């Protein structure tokens, strides 16, 4: 234009500032800014607003603020440009202050103002301010606007107020993909998988096109929904049709996670093999499939995949290391855990709080307490976080070292690290296993009195276990029946029943078993524990009756599993397994052992 001698007016400059913002080129934007200053356009609200917007989108909030202050007649567009820029730059608190300035300047906010400030409230936890903004939007008749309504749905979902989120969604005149995504995400965040899936189905019926974000939100809900068996594959098909699957790593990860949570590892592995090259060899997808296998009980596969990733030249991150160490811990495979530890040292993550805690947990579960303590010493320097301390306390407690666990707890407090709810699960377990009833009671009382923590159901289960193991069965039953701030769940009744079995209290055990069967009639533990009580008294008729009741009600006891490491191989065994590749040889050895035991018992009887 300059070369042709054509003048630039304010409309030209606004377009050029928009281009600079799209390019995120502050250098070009500053050159244009100098040009508008020379022509005295910078005080023009139309041009000034575009300058503010350009600087905000280029990440230069200081320059945006200075230009904003120079605009003489600031309108709602000026305020919105600054607020939107502040939110996009992560300065949500400043955006809330800007909204207050807008109100103080007697400027009436519009839909963009409300959408922006409500989003800022969601990010900063300012729920009360968000509700006030909602009231003001209602007064101005903007509650049904798509932008405002979507922000309200998102805010209420993030704060766990799904009934309010539903009402806000219902009032939106023109529901969009954004508003529906916000509702689905709210249901997922609040553990309502069935409603998340229903909302997705309604979205499809209304002709709305799901985005990659939609699939990434709804897929994790599929594994937890009542229609899990079919929904995962349906969504897989939908994602393929819409083009959201290949090309969006987060959708790929969500689908992998869904298949693994739905106990369909073969589908997860098939999907993994179909992931395009660039994504497939990326850290995010590898970590997702490793952690998914580890979290859903496929421990051997998780470890195998971890080493495959390493062999492909992909450097594991903290999450991949923690997942692999967790799998080694659950297998109690010290050999595999030691190999992962060696790689962890070479990778430089050994003193990281997250991986260090996983290392402590792995060595503790493998029974190698001295190595667990050495790993703990490496990470306890990060003394502000209780994670590694909790791992060490729990590891000592589970290995019967109660005094040592309590000593670490005291050291934790001396270091100025505040204990959390997980810490108290560890110390209460330690007291329970060591029979330290008085100390356990004192620690339980200190949760609220000294540390301001509210005991959860699992803390009360620990207290019941503490009293039960210590022989205080009457007090334990009274606590379960009258002393809990909630209805006792299956875990608490099972804990009491287990204590009754240990102490041979059949009458109380029978009452606990009856309550447990009411809470969850499909669970096998009351039948198994009560059967153990009957067997202990020699009441074999009672044992047969309980087994008959289990069969009649379709209750099955989960098969027991065990592992043994021989040389370089970890072998897993399942009780009653007839399909093991070496089943014939295994049962032959068992028969020989049984015969030898019977022969020894017979010989001992003759000698007596």
Foldseek 3Di string as FASTA:
>chain_A
DVVVVDDDDLVNLLVVLVVLLVVLPVVSLVVSVVVCVVVVCLLPQSNLLSSLLSCLSNVNLVSSVVSLVSHDDHAQSSLLSSLVSCVVNVNLVVSLVSLVVCVVVVHDHDLSNLLSNLLSCQVVVVVVVNVVSCVSCVVVVNLQAQSNLLSQLLSCLSVLNLVSSVVSLVSHPDHALSSLLSNLLSCQVNLNLQVSVVSVVVCVVVVHQHALSSLLRNLLSLLVHPNNVPVLVVSVVSCVVSVSAAPPLSNLLSSLLSCLSNVNNVVSVVSLVVHDDVSSLDQVNLLSNLLSCLVNPVLVVSLVSLVVNVVVVHQHDLSSLLSNLSSLLVQLPPPSLVVSVVSCVVVPCLQPLRNLLSNLLSCLSNVNNVSSVVSLVSHCVVLQDCSNLLSNLQSCLVNQNLVVSVVSVVVSVVSVHQDAQSSLLSNLSSCLSNLVLVVNVVSLVCCCVPRNYDHDLSSLLSNLSSCLSNPVLVVSVCCQVPVDPDHRALSSLLSSLQSCLVVLVLVSNVVSLVVNCVRPVQECSSLVSNLSSCVVVVNVVSNVVSVVVCVVVVHDDAWDKHWDDDDPDIDMDTPPDPPPPCNVVVVVVVVVVVVVVVVVVVVVVVVD
